[in-house]
């Protein structure tokens, strides 16, 4: 008995240690990493603009400071009202609006620095821990599994990365866990002899969680489909007293979501156009599945490879945790986790296999499946380490596995925290933003000329000194160089037309200053 208490105490203490460290990592270097293309979309939309709106306003050949690109177009101002923000939201119906609305109010209250904007996501991510604990409690009736689940979630390098992004994924993670726990509680309360009022409240909370999830991310539909399969798939829930309130909760959430549903249907061509890149097949699809799985616990920015030594033990542990879950828990427990993982996974994988595309290779879309795996892992580790009938040598091995997962996560988070760009920020769009900005900022009074798209320019504006001037033109236009005296003229990610035009019109010599043509120095004739 004493040994059992000692083991439980160790599990909870180590999980608490991981929780504290994971929380700290969520706030380390928040403003250091590149504010990349997708995050810029968050700022621009929340401010009431679309990237295409900026072209006629700033791509005029007139000089504009980096500070103005941030403060006017990436921060809510009196020029753009809440109505303008909703107009920009409607043009991207594939993105549910709640996070962007929160971001707008957040920036209005606390300011527009990169660290401040990302702090919203980091704070939301903290809400995931109590609901993870709650969900584990509903599934296993074990506080220790809840603690281990929180520890695994906290130190997962994948979840830390998205907790530091000015995007909706930490909010979506919260709503997945919240709605799942709320459903299980509603079913449990309905089983008891509690008052009708308590049962209605439980189902009302579930309806609220459904609505919140839908307004946070459209893929919540697949999470709720998994919930439906769970309720209708198990004989013990397939009864009038469970089915009617469950259907009522879903109908209420659909009614509350109806305003955005109408926007989706009326702007459906925009949705199809905005998601067209997801229908382009990526080479090595199955290798990406393995890579994304390893990133849950081990992430040194490694690429996908069959020779990756970490890949196989992680796949084996993940597979064994699911097998162990199915064999050792009642069907009402394991079937819930299997449907949570399986429905989302199937929705991503099948279209890619039959029609091509890259949906299943995009790690953030698989969050429901990853959460299911992490809950399975929490149960496996807790059960094995706490099993008094297991040989002490085997218990030690499972302890070492838990320690390995924990410290692998710590090292992964530590390494990623000191790099301005990581895999989730798209190398093609972000890789050289930071070093290029450093070169420009070393100049006494630089002018940056570019005809690159706004999604490439705006991330750079956050890294430049506030008073650095930019001159932006639409492609095929050659700018009229200002008479103002600048110490250095730079071309940032210029098109071939702009390079040739500057050389011919001004008889200039161009020197490639940084890799792959990201930055050129213009030398004008005396």
Protein backbone atom coordinates (compact mmCIF):
# COMPACT_ATOMS: atom_id res chain seq x y z
CA UNK A 1 0.00 0.00 0.00
CA UNK A 2 2.87 2.36 0.93
CA UNK A 3 4.64 1.45 -2.30
CA UNK A 4 1.48 2.21 -4.26
CA UNK A 5 1.15 5.61 -2.60
CA UNK A 6 4.82 6.31 -3.25
CA UNK A 7 4.42 5.44 -6.95
CA UNK A 8 1.30 7.59 -7.26
CA UNK A 9 3.10 10.48 -5.56
CA UNK A 10 6.07 10.13 -7.94
CA UNK A 11 3.81 10.10 -11.00
CA UNK A 12 1.92 13.18 -9.87
CA UNK A 13 5.07 15.05 -8.85
CA UNK A 14 6.86 14.35 -12.13
CA UNK A 15 3.73 15.27 -14.08
CA UNK A 16 3.47 18.50 -12.05
CA UNK A 17 7.13 19.24 -12.86
CA UNK A 18 6.42 18.75 -16.58
CA UNK A 19 3.33 20.94 -16.27
CA UNK A 20 5.31 23.80 -14.71
CA UNK A 21 8.12 23.55 -17.27
CA UNK A 22 5.60 23.29 -20.15
CA UNK A 23 3.77 26.41 -18.96
CA UNK A 24 7.07 28.30 -18.74
CA UNK A 25 8.06 27.29 -22.29
CA UNK A 26 4.77 28.72 -23.59
CA UNK A 27 5.94 32.19 -22.61
CA UNK A 28 9.66 31.93 -23.45
CA UNK A 29 10.79 34.15 -26.36
CA UNK A 30 7.21 34.89 -27.44
CA UNK A 31 8.32 37.85 -29.52
CA UNK A 32 11.53 36.32 -30.85
CA UNK A 33 10.26 33.92 -33.48
CA UNK A 34 9.39 35.20 -36.94
CA UNK A 35 5.85 36.53 -37.22
CA UNK A 36 5.13 34.60 -40.37
CA UNK A 37 2.65 34.56 -43.25
CA UNK A 38 -0.29 32.89 -41.46
CA UNK A 39 0.10 35.01 -38.33
CA UNK A 40 0.12 38.14 -40.47
CA UNK A 41 -3.25 36.99 -41.80
CA UNK A 42 -4.51 36.99 -38.19
CA UNK A 43 -3.41 40.59 -37.63
CA UNK A 44 -4.61 41.85 -40.99
CA UNK A 45 -8.06 40.22 -40.82
CA UNK A 46 -8.57 41.21 -37.19
CA UNK A 47 -7.77 44.79 -38.19
CA UNK A 48 -10.44 44.76 -40.89
CA UNK A 49 -8.27 44.28 -43.99
CA UNK A 50 -7.51 41.54 -46.48
CA UNK A 51 -4.02 41.14 -47.94
CA UNK A 52 -5.38 41.93 -51.40
CA UNK A 53 -6.82 45.21 -50.03
CA UNK A 54 -3.31 46.41 -49.27
CA UNK A 55 -2.05 46.34 -52.86
CA UNK A 56 -3.81 49.52 -54.08
CA UNK A 57 -3.03 51.26 -50.79
CA UNK A 58 0.67 50.55 -50.25
CA UNK A 59 1.95 49.23 -53.59
CA UNK A 60 2.00 52.74 -55.07
CA UNK A 61 5.73 53.40 -55.28
CA UNK A 62 5.44 55.89 -52.41
CA UNK A 63 7.67 55.54 -49.37
CA UNK A 64 6.19 53.92 -46.29
CA UNK A 65 7.81 53.16 -42.94
CA UNK A 66 7.92 49.68 -41.46
CA UNK A 67 6.18 51.10 -38.38
CA UNK A 68 3.21 52.21 -40.49
CA UNK A 69 2.87 48.79 -42.09
CA UNK A 70 2.44 47.39 -38.58
CA UNK A 71 0.40 50.10 -36.86
CA UNK A 72 -2.01 50.95 -39.68
CA UNK A 73 -2.60 47.62 -41.42
CA UNK A 74 -1.93 45.05 -38.70
CA UNK A 75 -3.61 46.70 -35.74
CA UNK A 76 -7.24 47.76 -35.19
CA UNK A 77 -7.60 51.51 -35.81
CA UNK A 78 -10.44 54.00 -36.12
CA UNK A 79 -10.17 53.66 -39.90
CA UNK A 80 -11.55 50.12 -39.79
CA UNK A 81 -14.55 49.26 -37.63
CA UNK A 82 -15.77 45.95 -36.26
CA UNK A 83 -18.04 45.78 -39.31
CA UNK A 84 -14.95 45.94 -41.56
CA UNK A 85 -13.39 43.11 -39.55
CA UNK A 86 -16.46 40.92 -40.13
CA UNK A 87 -16.30 41.75 -43.83
CA UNK A 88 -12.74 40.42 -43.94
CA UNK A 89 -13.79 37.35 -41.92
CA UNK A 90 -16.49 36.54 -44.46
CA UNK A 91 -13.96 36.49 -47.29
CA UNK A 92 -12.26 33.59 -45.53
CA UNK A 93 -15.18 31.40 -44.46
CA UNK A 94 -12.84 28.43 -43.97
CA UNK A 95 -11.62 30.16 -40.80
CA UNK A 96 -14.20 30.33 -38.04
CA UNK A 97 -14.27 33.89 -36.65
CA UNK A 98 -14.11 33.57 -32.87
CA UNK A 99 -10.32 33.59 -32.49
CA UNK A 100 -9.93 36.56 -34.85
CA UNK A 101 -12.57 38.46 -32.93
CA UNK A 102 -10.76 37.72 -29.67
CA UNK A 103 -7.47 38.83 -31.26
CA UNK A 104 -9.02 42.16 -32.34
CA UNK A 105 -10.24 42.99 -28.84
CA UNK A 106 -6.97 41.73 -27.34
CA UNK A 107 -4.87 44.04 -29.55
CA UNK A 108 -7.14 47.00 -28.83
CA UNK A 109 -6.64 46.52 -25.09
CA UNK A 110 -3.01 45.36 -24.83
CA UNK A 111 -1.28 46.58 -28.01
CA UNK A 112 0.15 45.05 -31.16
CA UNK A 113 3.64 43.81 -30.35
CA UNK A 114 4.33 40.27 -31.55
CA UNK A 115 4.76 39.02 -27.98
CA UNK A 116 1.47 40.62 -26.92
CA UNK A 117 -0.52 39.11 -29.79
CA UNK A 118 0.92 35.63 -29.21
CA UNK A 119 0.29 35.92 -25.49
CA UNK A 120 -3.42 35.46 -26.22
CA UNK A 121 -2.81 31.97 -27.64
CA UNK A 122 -0.39 31.10 -24.84
CA UNK A 123 -2.97 32.04 -22.21
CA UNK A 124 -5.73 30.09 -23.98
CA UNK A 125 -3.43 27.06 -24.06
CA UNK A 126 -3.37 27.08 -20.25
CA UNK A 127 -7.09 26.32 -20.27
CA UNK A 128 -6.28 23.00 -21.94
CA UNK A 129 -4.77 21.57 -18.77
CA UNK A 130 -7.84 21.59 -16.49
CA UNK A 131 -10.05 20.20 -19.27
CA UNK A 132 -7.48 17.48 -20.05
CA UNK A 133 -7.58 16.54 -16.36
CA UNK A 134 -11.39 16.61 -16.41
CA UNK A 135 -11.58 14.43 -19.52
CA UNK A 136 -9.18 11.84 -18.05
CA UNK A 137 -11.23 11.85 -14.86
CA UNK A 138 -14.42 11.17 -16.83
CA UNK A 139 -12.76 8.41 -18.84
CA UNK A 140 -10.74 6.59 -16.19
CA UNK A 141 -11.98 7.93 -12.81
CA UNK A 142 -8.30 8.39 -11.97
CA UNK A 143 -6.73 11.64 -10.80
CA UNK A 144 -3.28 10.22 -11.50
CA UNK A 145 -4.07 9.60 -15.18
CA UNK A 146 -5.32 13.19 -15.26
CA UNK A 147 -2.02 14.47 -13.89
CA UNK A 148 0.02 12.39 -16.31
CA UNK A 149 -2.21 13.53 -19.18
CA UNK A 150 -1.61 17.17 -18.25
CA UNK A 151 2.14 16.56 -18.02
CA UNK A 152 2.31 14.91 -21.45
CA UNK A 153 0.21 17.69 -23.01
CA UNK A 154 2.24 20.42 -21.30
CA UNK A 155 5.67 19.26 -22.44
CA UNK A 156 4.66 18.14 -25.94
CA UNK A 157 6.82 20.26 -28.29
CA UNK A 158 4.00 20.21 -30.85
CA UNK A 159 1.50 21.80 -28.47
CA UNK A 160 4.09 24.31 -27.21
CA UNK A 161 4.75 25.49 -30.77
CA UNK A 162 1.08 26.15 -31.46
CA UNK A 163 0.57 27.75 -28.05
CA UNK A 164 3.03 30.40 -29.27
CA UNK A 165 1.31 31.04 -32.61
CA UNK A 166 -1.11 33.91 -33.22
CA UNK A 167 -3.55 31.39 -34.62
CA UNK A 168 -6.62 29.46 -33.49
CA UNK A 169 -5.06 26.06 -32.73
CA UNK A 170 -4.65 26.36 -28.96
CA UNK A 171 -8.28 27.50 -28.82
CA UNK A 172 -9.33 24.52 -30.95
CA UNK A 173 -7.38 22.15 -28.69
CA UNK A 174 -9.24 23.56 -25.70
CA UNK A 175 -12.67 23.15 -27.32
CA UNK A 176 -11.92 19.53 -28.36
CA UNK A 177 -11.07 18.58 -24.78
CA UNK A 178 -13.85 20.71 -23.28
CA UNK A 179 -16.63 19.34 -25.49
CA UNK A 180 -15.41 15.75 -25.02
CA UNK A 181 -15.39 16.05 -21.23
CA UNK A 182 -18.74 17.87 -21.28
CA UNK A 183 -20.36 15.05 -23.30
CA UNK A 184 -19.09 12.34 -20.96
CA UNK A 185 -20.27 14.31 -17.93
CA UNK A 186 -23.71 14.86 -19.48
CA UNK A 187 -24.06 11.13 -20.13
CA UNK A 188 -22.91 10.31 -16.60
CA UNK A 189 -25.27 12.82 -14.97
CA UNK A 190 -28.17 11.48 -17.05
CA UNK A 191 -27.41 8.01 -15.68
CA UNK A 192 -27.90 9.17 -12.10
CA UNK A 193 -30.96 10.17 -10.11
CA UNK A 194 -30.00 13.83 -10.06
CA UNK A 195 -32.63 16.51 -10.54
CA UNK A 196 -33.84 17.31 -14.05
CA UNK A 197 -32.35 20.78 -13.67
CA UNK A 198 -28.85 19.29 -13.19
CA UNK A 199 -29.26 17.12 -16.27
CA UNK A 200 -30.42 20.06 -18.37
CA UNK A 201 -27.47 22.11 -17.16
CA UNK A 202 -25.04 19.32 -18.11
CA UNK A 203 -26.46 19.08 -21.63
CA UNK A 204 -26.58 22.87 -21.87
CA UNK A 205 -22.85 23.00 -21.11
CA UNK A 206 -22.29 20.42 -23.85
CA UNK A 207 -24.34 22.49 -26.34
CA UNK A 208 -22.28 25.56 -25.41
CA UNK A 209 -19.02 23.62 -25.92
CA UNK A 210 -20.21 22.46 -29.36
CA UNK A 211 -21.02 26.00 -30.42
CA UNK A 212 -17.71 27.32 -29.11
CA UNK A 213 -15.85 24.62 -31.03
CA UNK A 214 -17.65 25.35 -34.30
CA UNK A 215 -16.88 29.06 -33.99
CA UNK A 216 -13.24 28.18 -33.25
CA UNK A 217 -12.47 25.72 -36.08
CA UNK A 218 -14.59 24.12 -38.80
CA UNK A 219 -12.90 20.74 -38.31
CA UNK A 220 -14.76 20.55 -35.00
CA UNK A 221 -17.48 18.98 -37.15
CA UNK A 222 -15.40 15.79 -37.26
CA UNK A 223 -14.94 15.82 -33.50
CA UNK A 224 -18.71 16.03 -33.04
CA UNK A 225 -19.25 13.33 -35.64
CA UNK A 226 -17.01 11.15 -33.45
CA UNK A 227 -19.19 12.06 -30.46
CA UNK A 228 -22.28 11.04 -32.42
CA UNK A 229 -20.77 7.70 -33.43
CA UNK A 230 -19.85 7.11 -29.78
CA UNK A 231 -23.37 7.81 -28.48
CA UNK A 232 -25.21 5.91 -31.22
CA UNK A 233 -22.59 3.16 -31.44
CA UNK A 234 -22.84 1.97 -27.85
CA UNK A 235 -25.92 0.09 -26.75
CA UNK A 236 -25.89 1.60 -23.25
CA UNK A 237 -26.27 5.13 -24.66
CA UNK A 238 -28.68 4.19 -27.44
CA UNK A 239 -31.70 4.94 -25.29
CA UNK A 240 -34.35 7.62 -25.32
CA UNK A 241 -33.06 9.40 -22.19
CA UNK A 242 -29.60 9.89 -23.77
CA UNK A 243 -30.41 10.29 -27.48
CA UNK A 244 -33.01 13.05 -27.11
CA UNK A 245 -30.88 15.48 -25.03
CA UNK A 246 -27.84 14.73 -27.21
CA UNK A 247 -29.74 15.53 -30.40
CA UNK A 248 -31.25 18.62 -28.74
CA UNK A 249 -27.77 19.87 -27.80
CA UNK A 250 -26.52 19.37 -31.36
CA UNK A 251 -29.57 21.12 -32.86
CA UNK A 252 -29.14 24.07 -30.48
CA UNK A 253 -25.48 24.42 -31.44
CA UNK A 254 -26.36 24.26 -35.15
CA UNK A 255 -28.96 27.00 -34.68
CA UNK A 256 -26.40 29.15 -32.84
CA UNK A 257 -23.84 28.46 -35.59
CA UNK A 258 -26.34 29.23 -38.35
CA UNK A 259 -25.10 32.81 -39.01
CA UNK A 260 -21.65 31.52 -39.93
CA UNK A 261 -23.09 28.52 -41.73
CA UNK A 262 -24.97 30.91 -44.03
CA UNK A 263 -21.73 32.81 -44.65
CA UNK A 264 -19.99 29.53 -45.55
CA UNK A 265 -22.63 28.67 -48.14
CA UNK A 266 -22.86 32.17 -49.63
CA UNK A 267 -19.06 32.43 -49.87
CA UNK A 268 -18.40 28.81 -50.74
CA UNK A 269 -16.38 29.65 -53.91
CA UNK A 270 -14.00 31.67 -51.71
CA UNK A 271 -13.63 28.70 -49.36
CA UNK A 272 -12.77 26.38 -52.26
CA UNK A 273 -10.31 28.89 -53.70
CA UNK A 274 -8.65 29.64 -50.35
CA UNK A 275 -8.05 25.94 -49.63
CA UNK A 276 -6.86 24.97 -53.13
CA UNK A 277 -3.28 24.37 -51.96
CA UNK A 278 -4.50 21.49 -49.77
CA UNK A 279 -5.46 19.58 -52.90
CA UNK A 280 -1.87 19.53 -54.17
CA UNK A 281 -0.24 16.18 -53.38
CA UNK A 282 2.92 16.21 -51.30
CA UNK A 283 5.61 13.59 -51.96
CA UNK A 284 6.20 11.20 -49.07
CA UNK A 285 2.71 11.40 -47.58
CA UNK A 286 3.10 8.36 -45.32
CA UNK A 287 6.51 9.53 -44.14
CA UNK A 288 4.88 12.78 -43.04
CA UNK A 289 2.42 10.80 -40.93
CA UNK A 290 5.32 9.25 -39.04
CA UNK A 291 7.15 12.56 -38.78
CA UNK A 292 4.10 14.31 -37.34
CA UNK A 293 3.70 11.53 -34.79
CA UNK A 294 7.30 11.88 -33.58
CA UNK A 295 6.86 15.65 -33.23
CA UNK A 296 4.46 15.07 -30.34
CA UNK A 297 7.37 14.07 -28.11
CA UNK A 298 10.62 14.64 -30.02
CA UNK A 299 11.18 17.65 -32.28
CA UNK A 300 14.65 18.77 -33.28
CA UNK A 301 13.32 20.09 -36.59
CA UNK A 302 14.18 16.78 -38.22
CA UNK A 303 12.89 15.95 -41.68
CA UNK A 304 10.98 12.87 -42.69
CA UNK A 305 13.04 9.73 -43.26
CA UNK A 306 12.69 5.99 -42.89
CA UNK A 307 16.15 6.06 -41.30
CA UNK A 308 15.02 8.27 -38.41
CA UNK A 309 15.88 6.15 -35.33
CA UNK A 310 13.25 7.89 -33.18
CA UNK A 311 10.40 7.03 -35.56
CA UNK A 312 10.08 3.32 -34.81
CA UNK A 313 10.08 3.31 -30.98
CA UNK A 314 7.52 6.13 -30.97
CA UNK A 315 5.26 4.25 -33.41
CA UNK A 316 5.61 1.10 -31.29
CA UNK A 317 4.76 2.89 -28.03
CA UNK A 318 1.82 4.72 -29.65
CA UNK A 319 0.47 1.50 -31.16
CA UNK A 320 0.95 -0.43 -27.92
CA UNK A 321 -0.80 2.29 -25.89
CA UNK A 322 -3.90 2.01 -28.11
CA UNK A 323 -3.83 -1.81 -27.98
CA UNK A 324 -3.41 -1.72 -24.19
CA UNK A 325 -6.28 0.75 -23.87
CA UNK A 326 -8.66 -1.45 -25.86
CA UNK A 327 -7.73 -4.58 -23.90
CA UNK A 328 -7.73 -3.11 -20.41
CA UNK A 329 -10.58 -0.59 -20.31
CA UNK A 330 -14.35 -1.00 -20.74
CA UNK A 331 -15.78 -0.34 -24.19
CA UNK A 332 -17.37 2.95 -23.11
CA UNK A 333 -13.83 4.23 -22.39
CA UNK A 334 -11.77 2.93 -25.28
CA UNK A 335 -14.48 3.40 -27.89
CA UNK A 336 -14.63 7.11 -27.10
CA UNK A 337 -10.89 7.59 -27.62
CA UNK A 338 -10.81 5.41 -30.74
CA UNK A 339 -13.63 7.40 -32.38
CA UNK A 340 -11.97 10.70 -31.43
CA UNK A 341 -8.76 9.59 -33.16
CA UNK A 342 -10.31 7.59 -35.98
CA UNK A 343 -12.90 9.97 -37.38
CA UNK A 344 -10.49 12.89 -37.75
CA UNK A 345 -7.75 10.64 -39.10
CA UNK A 346 -10.10 9.05 -41.64
CA UNK A 347 -11.43 12.45 -42.75
CA UNK A 348 -7.88 13.58 -43.53
CA UNK A 349 -6.36 10.38 -44.91
CA UNK A 350 -9.07 9.01 -47.22
CA UNK A 351 -9.39 12.09 -49.49
CA UNK A 352 -5.60 12.18 -49.86
CA UNK A 353 -5.43 8.50 -50.78
CA UNK A 354 -8.31 8.57 -53.27
CA UNK A 355 -8.10 12.04 -54.83
CA UNK A 356 -4.68 13.32 -53.84
CA UNK A 357 -3.80 16.24 -51.62
CA UNK A 358 -1.83 17.05 -48.50
CA UNK A 359 -4.51 17.37 -45.80
CA UNK A 360 -3.22 14.40 -43.80
CA UNK A 361 0.37 15.68 -43.88
CA UNK A 362 -0.53 19.01 -42.21
CA UNK A 363 0.21 18.29 -38.57
CA UNK A 364 -2.15 20.84 -36.98
CA UNK A 365 -5.22 19.26 -38.61
CA UNK A 366 -4.61 16.05 -36.72
CA UNK A 367 -4.91 17.57 -33.24
CA UNK A 368 -7.99 15.46 -32.22
CA UNK A 369 -6.13 12.26 -33.15
CA UNK A 370 -2.99 13.38 -31.31
CA UNK A 371 -4.96 14.18 -28.17
CA UNK A 372 -6.50 10.71 -28.26
CA UNK A 373 -3.04 9.16 -28.53
CA UNK A 374 -1.70 11.26 -25.67
CA UNK A 375 -4.62 10.23 -23.44
CA UNK A 376 -3.95 6.58 -24.33
CA UNK A 377 -0.28 7.08 -23.48
CA UNK A 378 -1.18 8.70 -20.14
CA UNK A 379 -3.31 5.70 -19.24
CA UNK A 380 -0.61 3.23 -20.31
CA UNK A 381 2.17 4.92 -18.33
CA UNK A 382 0.04 5.38 -15.22
CA UNK A 383 -1.18 1.78 -15.26
CA UNK A 384 2.21 0.20 -15.90
CA UNK A 385 4.11 2.29 -13.36
CA UNK A 386 1.39 1.86 -10.72
CA UNK A 387 0.90 -1.89 -11.26
CA UNK A 388 1.89 -3.65 -8.02
CA UNK A 389 1.77 -7.04 -9.77
CA UNK A 390 4.29 -5.99 -12.41
CA UNK A 391 7.92 -6.92 -11.81
CA UNK A 392 9.92 -4.05 -10.40
CA UNK A 393 12.35 -4.24 -13.31
CA UNK A 394 9.51 -3.77 -15.82
CA UNK A 395 8.04 -0.93 -13.76
CA UNK A 396 11.44 0.78 -13.87
CA UNK A 397 11.50 0.47 -17.65
CA UNK A 398 8.16 2.23 -17.91
CA UNK A 399 9.40 4.88 -15.52
CA UNK A 400 12.38 5.42 -17.79
CA UNK A 401 10.07 5.67 -20.79
CA UNK A 402 8.04 8.37 -19.02
CA UNK A 403 11.25 10.17 -18.02
CA UNK A 404 12.48 9.87 -21.61
CA UNK A 405 9.25 11.34 -23.00
CA UNK A 406 9.40 14.18 -20.48
CA UNK A 407 13.03 15.13 -21.00
CA UNK A 408 12.77 14.64 -24.78
CA UNK A 409 9.98 17.21 -24.72
CA UNK A 410 12.02 19.59 -22.55
CA UNK A 411 15.07 19.37 -24.86
CA UNK A 412 12.88 19.79 -27.95
CA UNK A 413 11.18 22.88 -26.52
CA UNK A 414 14.53 24.30 -25.42
CA UNK A 415 16.07 23.93 -28.87
CA UNK A 416 13.06 25.33 -30.75
CA UNK A 417 12.81 28.31 -28.34
CA UNK A 418 16.17 29.71 -29.48
CA UNK A 419 15.48 29.48 -33.23
CA UNK A 420 13.51 32.22 -35.02
CA UNK A 421 12.04 29.79 -37.57
CA UNK A 422 10.84 26.21 -37.03
CA UNK A 423 9.11 23.70 -39.31
CA UNK A 424 5.57 24.97 -38.57
CA UNK A 425 6.35 28.41 -40.02
CA UNK A 426 6.92 27.25 -43.61
CA UNK A 427 10.57 27.50 -44.64
CA UNK A 428 9.73 28.72 -48.12
CA UNK A 429 8.00 31.78 -46.66
CA UNK A 430 9.93 32.45 -43.47
CA UNK A 431 13.37 30.87 -43.49
CA UNK A 432 15.51 33.97 -44.13
CA UNK A 433 13.31 36.75 -42.78
CA UNK A 434 15.33 37.15 -39.59
CA UNK A 435 18.89 37.27 -41.05
CA UNK A 436 17.73 39.51 -43.92
CA UNK A 437 16.19 41.95 -41.44
CA UNK A 438 19.43 41.97 -39.43
CA UNK A 439 21.42 42.95 -42.53
CA UNK A 440 18.99 45.76 -43.39
CA UNK A 441 18.93 47.05 -39.80
CA UNK A 442 22.73 47.37 -39.78
CA UNK A 443 22.45 50.04 -42.46
CA UNK A 444 22.32 53.66 -41.30
CA UNK A 445 19.38 54.72 -43.48
CA UNK A 446 18.26 51.93 -45.82
CA UNK A 447 15.51 51.85 -48.43
CA UNK A 448 13.93 48.47 -49.14
CA UNK A 449 12.35 48.09 -52.60
CA UNK A 450 10.12 45.14 -53.43
CA UNK A 451 7.34 43.90 -55.69
CA UNK A 452 6.76 40.76 -53.61
CA UNK A 453 3.28 39.95 -52.29
CA UNK A 454 2.04 41.51 -49.02
CA UNK A 455 2.22 38.14 -47.25
CA UNK A 456 6.01 38.26 -47.71
CA UNK A 457 6.48 41.93 -46.91
CA UNK A 458 4.45 42.20 -43.70
CA UNK A 459 6.42 39.53 -41.77
CA UNK A 460 9.59 41.48 -42.58
CA UNK A 461 8.03 44.72 -41.29
CA UNK A 462 7.94 43.26 -37.77
CA UNK A 463 11.71 42.58 -37.81
CA UNK A 464 12.82 45.92 -39.26
CA UNK A 465 13.60 49.03 -37.26
CA UNK A 466 10.44 51.20 -37.09
CA UNK A 467 11.88 54.01 -39.25
CA UNK A 468 13.17 51.86 -42.09
CA UNK A 469 11.51 52.95 -45.33
CA UNK A 470 10.04 50.61 -47.93
CA UNK A 471 9.04 51.33 -51.52
CA UNK A 472 6.53 48.81 -52.81
CA UNK A 473 5.36 48.40 -56.39
CA UNK A 474 3.16 45.93 -58.19
CA UNK A 475 4.96 43.43 -60.38
CA UNK A 476 6.00 44.70 -63.83
CA UNK A 477 6.33 48.27 -62.49
CA UNK A 478 9.76 49.82 -62.02
CA UNK A 479 9.80 52.34 -59.17
CA UNK A 480 10.90 55.93 -59.48
CA UNK A 481 13.76 56.13 -57.00
CA UNK A 482 13.28 58.95 -54.48
CA UNK A 483 15.58 61.98 -54.33
CA UNK A 484 15.97 61.44 -50.60
CA UNK A 485 19.49 60.29 -49.76
CA UNK A 486 19.63 56.72 -48.45
CA UNK A 487 22.82 55.03 -47.31
CA UNK A 488 21.81 51.70 -48.90
CA UNK A 489 19.26 50.54 -51.44
CA UNK A 490 18.05 46.95 -51.11
CA UNK A 491 15.79 44.75 -53.20
CA UNK A 492 13.83 42.27 -51.09
CA UNK A 493 12.67 39.07 -52.81
CA UNK A 494 12.39 40.87 -56.16
CA UNK A 495 10.93 39.41 -59.33
CA UNK A 496 13.14 38.95 -62.38
CA UNK A 497 11.30 41.88 -63.99
CA UNK A 498 12.23 44.19 -61.10
CA UNK A 499 15.86 43.07 -61.11
CA UNK A 500 16.22 43.60 -64.86
CA UNK A 501 14.31 46.88 -64.73
CA UNK A 502 16.52 48.39 -61.99
CA UNK A 503 19.65 47.29 -63.87
CA UNK A 504 18.50 48.74 -67.20
CA UNK A 505 16.69 51.91 -66.14
CA UNK A 506 19.26 53.07 -63.58
CA UNK A 507 22.36 51.36 -65.00
CA UNK A 508 22.77 49.82 -61.58
CA UNK A 509 24.90 46.94 -60.40
CA UNK A 510 23.12 44.39 -58.23
CA UNK A 511 24.93 42.33 -55.61
CA UNK A 512 23.23 39.31 -54.07
CA UNK A 513 23.57 39.92 -50.34
CA UNK A 514 21.72 36.86 -49.05
CA UNK A 515 20.85 33.33 -50.09
CA UNK A 516 18.47 32.36 -52.87
CA UNK A 517 17.92 35.93 -54.00
CA UNK A 518 16.11 37.08 -50.85
CA UNK A 519 18.16 40.29 -50.62
CA UNK A 520 20.10 42.33 -53.17
CA UNK A 521 22.12 45.50 -52.75
CA UNK A 522 21.72 48.14 -55.48
CA UNK A 523 24.83 50.11 -56.48
CA UNK A 524 23.92 53.17 -58.55
CA UNK A 525 26.46 54.78 -60.91
CA UNK A 526 28.18 57.93 -59.65
